Amino acid sequence: MSIKGDLAYLRSISSFIALTTFVFFLTSAMGYWAAGADPDLASQWRAELDALKWILEQPPLIIMIIIFLKNLLASAMAMLLGLGLGLIPLLVVTSNGFLLGVVAYGAVKQGGLLFLAAGILPHGILELPAVLVSIAIGFRLGYLLALTLAREKVDLAGETRIAVRFLWRYITPILFLAAIIETFITPIAISVVL
């Protein structure tokens, strides 16, 4: 498939991308609100992040590889396990959205909006669209599976091949670049605003 064909594919799943983006930002807003309304709930969600603090003790190259592999695994799971009628992509988008909202609340409380932007934007400008497109493709695969179960004629195998190719051709390199930025540039941006 060519770049033109890949863009046509993205247009064909635009409703799934819009749904994914809406759910992500809705659950982010819910996480932000919940963190302010219920500090105990927020601390439970932040405890999940605290379990990952060991990563920050690693050399930068290892941190970058861990971030990359974690994001790639989450994206691949959300995409390919969408074949389970879209339940895994729904879980991934809602939990990540809610967690981002909780983290955003803490970041704003700690250092303001500029601190939040410095911590998210440098790598998030690449990472977030890549992950959201992966989730949207997972929703699409789940939808096609539902159509197949309803005895509609769809090319689920062909669509799955397109999804895998899209994962390796676009999502993987974008997430790799985002991991480099998150490891080496985002900490500089944060230190500038502190």
Protein backbone atom coordinates (compact mmCIF):
# COMPACT_ATOMS: atom_id res chain seq x y z
CA MET A 1 0.00 0.00 0.00
CA SER A 2 1.23 3.50 -0.82
CA ILE A 3 1.19 6.62 1.30
CA LYS A 4 -1.92 7.65 -0.61
CA GLY A 5 -3.51 4.30 0.20
CA ASP A 6 -2.52 4.63 3.86
CA LEU A 7 -4.12 8.08 4.04
CA ALA A 8 -7.26 6.66 2.44
CA TYR A 9 -7.24 3.93 5.10
CA LEU A 10 -7.00 6.55 7.86
CA ARG A 11 -9.93 8.41 6.30
CA SER A 12 -11.91 5.16 6.20
CA ILE A 13 -11.49 4.73 9.96
CA SER A 14 -12.01 8.40 10.80
CA SER A 15 -15.21 7.68 12.74
CA PHE A 16 -13.30 5.19 14.91
CA ILE A 17 -10.51 7.74 15.41
CA ALA A 18 -13.10 10.36 16.41
CA LEU A 19 -14.76 7.92 18.84
CA THR A 20 -11.41 6.96 20.36
CA THR A 21 -10.33 10.58 20.75
CA PHE A 22 -13.67 11.54 22.31
CA VAL A 23 -13.55 8.67 24.83
CA PHE A 24 -9.91 9.43 25.68
CA PHE A 25 -10.51 13.12 26.38
CA LEU A 26 -13.78 12.40 28.19
CA THR A 27 -12.08 9.93 30.53
CA SER A 28 -9.13 12.32 30.94
CA ALA A 29 -11.56 14.99 32.10
CA MET A 30 -13.20 12.46 34.40
CA GLY A 31 -9.80 11.51 35.86
CA TYR A 32 -8.92 15.18 36.39
CA TRP A 33 -12.25 15.84 38.10
CA ALA A 34 -12.03 12.64 40.19
CA ALA A 35 -8.51 13.53 41.37
CA GLY A 36 -9.80 16.85 42.67
CA ALA A 37 -12.99 15.43 44.16
CA ASP A 38 -11.54 12.30 45.76
CA PRO A 39 -7.87 12.49 46.76
CA ASP A 40 -7.93 8.85 47.98
CA LEU A 41 -8.99 7.62 44.56
CA ALA A 42 -6.32 9.73 42.92
CA SER A 43 -3.66 8.32 45.25
CA GLN A 44 -4.71 4.77 44.34
CA TRP A 45 -4.23 5.53 40.64
CA ARG A 46 -0.93 7.30 41.30
CA ALA A 47 0.23 4.24 43.23
CA GLU A 48 0.16 2.36 39.92
CA LEU A 49 2.63 4.89 38.56
CA ASP A 50 4.76 4.69 41.70
CA ALA A 51 5.22 1.00 40.99
CA LEU A 52 7.07 2.06 37.83
CA LYS A 53 9.54 4.39 39.59
CA TRP A 54 12.26 1.75 39.31
CA ILE A 55 12.43 2.58 35.60
CA LEU A 56 13.76 6.06 36.40
CA GLU A 57 16.72 4.49 38.22
CA GLN A 58 17.92 2.89 34.97
CA PRO A 59 20.42 4.38 32.49
CA PRO A 60 18.72 6.68 29.93
CA LEU A 61 19.05 4.21 27.06
CA ILE A 62 17.30 1.50 29.09
CA ILE A 63 14.59 3.98 30.10
CA MET A 64 14.04 4.81 26.43
CA ILE A 65 13.79 1.13 25.46
CA ILE A 66 11.36 0.38 28.31
CA ILE A 67 9.13 3.35 27.39
CA PHE A 68 9.19 2.33 23.73
CA LEU A 69 8.38 -1.33 24.41
CA LYS A 70 5.63 -0.47 26.92
CA ASN A 71 3.93 1.87 24.46
CA LEU A 72 4.39 -0.51 21.53
CA LEU A 73 2.97 -3.42 23.50
CA ALA A 74 -0.03 -1.36 24.65
CA SER A 75 -0.66 -0.16 21.09
CA ALA A 76 -0.31 -3.62 19.57
CA MET A 77 -2.59 -5.15 22.21
CA ALA A 78 -5.21 -2.44 21.78
CA MET A 79 -5.06 -2.88 18.03
CA LEU A 80 -4.91 -6.63 17.58
CA LEU A 81 -6.98 -7.63 20.59
CA GLY A 82 -9.70 -5.40 19.21
CA LEU A 83 -10.73 -8.65 17.57
CA GLY A 84 -12.35 -9.38 20.95
CA LEU A 85 -15.25 -7.14 19.89
CA GLY A 86 -13.35 -4.00 20.87
CA LEU A 87 -13.27 -4.64 24.61
CA ILE A 88 -9.47 -4.39 25.01
CA PRO A 89 -9.24 -1.11 23.08
CA LEU A 90 -12.05 0.25 25.25
CA LEU A 91 -10.17 -0.77 28.40
CA VAL A 92 -6.91 0.74 27.11
CA VAL A 93 -8.43 4.07 26.06
CA THR A 94 -10.49 4.55 29.23
CA SER A 95 -7.78 3.53 31.70
CA ASN A 96 -5.09 5.60 29.96
CA GLY A 97 -7.40 8.59 29.65
CA PHE A 98 -8.42 8.43 33.30
CA LEU A 99 -4.81 8.00 34.45
CA LEU A 100 -3.69 10.95 32.35
CA GLY A 101 -6.42 13.05 33.96
CA VAL A 102 -5.27 12.05 37.44
CA VAL A 103 -1.63 12.78 36.57
CA ALA A 104 -2.61 16.08 34.94
CA TYR A 105 -4.41 17.18 38.08
CA GLY A 106 -1.32 16.44 40.18
CA ALA A 107 0.98 18.18 37.71
CA VAL A 108 -1.18 21.32 37.58
CA LYS A 109 -1.42 21.36 41.36
CA GLN A 110 2.35 20.92 41.67
CA GLY A 111 3.61 23.31 39.01
CA GLY A 112 0.76 24.81 37.00
CA LEU A 113 -0.34 24.44 33.39
CA LEU A 114 3.10 25.19 31.99
CA PHE A 115 4.56 22.33 34.05
CA LEU A 116 1.86 20.01 32.71
CA ALA A 117 2.51 21.10 29.13
CA ALA A 118 6.27 20.63 29.52
CA GLY A 119 5.72 17.12 30.84
CA ILE A 120 3.31 16.01 28.12
CA LEU A 121 3.71 17.98 24.92
CA PRO A 122 7.28 17.21 23.77
CA HIS A 123 6.66 13.48 23.37
CA GLY A 124 2.87 13.44 23.60
CA ILE A 125 2.49 15.29 20.31
CA LEU A 126 3.70 12.07 18.62
CA GLU A 127 2.83 9.38 21.14
CA LEU A 128 -0.80 10.25 21.75
CA PRO A 129 -1.93 10.24 18.09
CA ALA A 130 -0.04 6.97 17.46
CA VAL A 131 -1.66 5.26 20.44
CA LEU A 132 -5.12 6.66 19.63
CA VAL A 133 -4.89 5.47 16.01
CA SER A 134 -3.86 2.02 17.26
CA ILE A 135 -6.89 1.93 19.55
CA ALA A 136 -9.15 3.14 16.72
CA ILE A 137 -7.89 0.33 14.49
CA GLY A 138 -8.66 -2.08 17.33
CA PHE A 139 -12.21 -0.75 17.49
CA ARG A 140 -12.47 -1.18 13.72
CA LEU A 141 -11.30 -4.80 13.93
CA GLY A 142 -13.81 -5.45 16.73
CA TYR A 143 -16.57 -3.92 14.63
CA LEU A 144 -15.62 -6.08 11.64
CA LEU A 145 -15.62 -9.17 13.84
CA ALA A 146 -19.13 -8.29 15.00
CA LEU A 147 -20.19 -7.97 11.36
CA THR A 148 -18.61 -11.33 10.60
CA LEU A 149 -20.49 -12.94 13.48
CA ALA A 150 -23.68 -11.38 12.09
CA ARG A 151 -22.84 -13.14 8.81
CA GLU A 152 -22.01 -9.93 6.96
CA LYS A 153 -19.41 -10.30 4.23
CA VAL A 154 -16.24 -8.48 5.33
CA ASP A 155 -12.54 -9.13 4.79
CA LEU A 156 -11.48 -9.44 8.42
CA ALA A 157 -8.23 -11.22 7.56
CA GLY A 158 -7.30 -8.55 5.01
CA GLU A 159 -8.13 -5.79 7.47
CA THR A 160 -6.01 -7.47 10.13
CA ARG A 161 -3.06 -7.62 7.69
CA ILE A 162 -3.50 -3.90 7.00
CA ALA A 163 -3.55 -3.24 10.76
CA VAL A 164 -0.32 -5.17 11.34
CA ARG A 165 1.40 -3.43 8.44
CA PHE A 166 0.22 -0.05 9.75
CA LEU A 167 1.56 -0.94 13.20
CA TRP A 168 5.03 -1.72 11.85
CA ARG A 169 5.18 0.93 9.15
CA TYR A 170 3.93 3.94 11.14
CA ILE A 171 3.07 3.29 14.78
CA THR A 172 6.37 1.59 15.69
CA PRO A 173 8.73 4.30 14.36
CA ILE A 174 6.55 7.09 15.76
CA LEU A 175 6.54 5.47 19.20
CA PHE A 176 10.31 4.96 19.00
CA LEU A 177 10.83 8.65 18.25
CA ALA A 178 8.40 9.60 21.04
CA ALA A 179 10.36 7.41 23.49
CA ILE A 180 13.59 9.18 22.52
CA ILE A 181 11.94 12.55 23.09
CA GLU A 182 10.33 11.44 26.37
CA THR A 183 13.68 10.21 27.67
CA PHE A 184 16.01 12.96 26.52
CA ILE A 185 13.98 16.11 25.74
CA THR A 186 10.91 16.08 28.02
CA PRO A 187 13.06 16.16 31.21
CA ILE A 188 14.86 19.24 29.83
CA ALA A 189 11.51 20.92 29.10
CA ILE A 190 10.34 20.16 32.63
CA SER A 191 13.55 21.50 34.17
CA VAL A 192 13.16 24.75 32.21
CA VAL A 193 9.72 25.44 33.67
CA LEU A 194 10.55 24.44 37.25
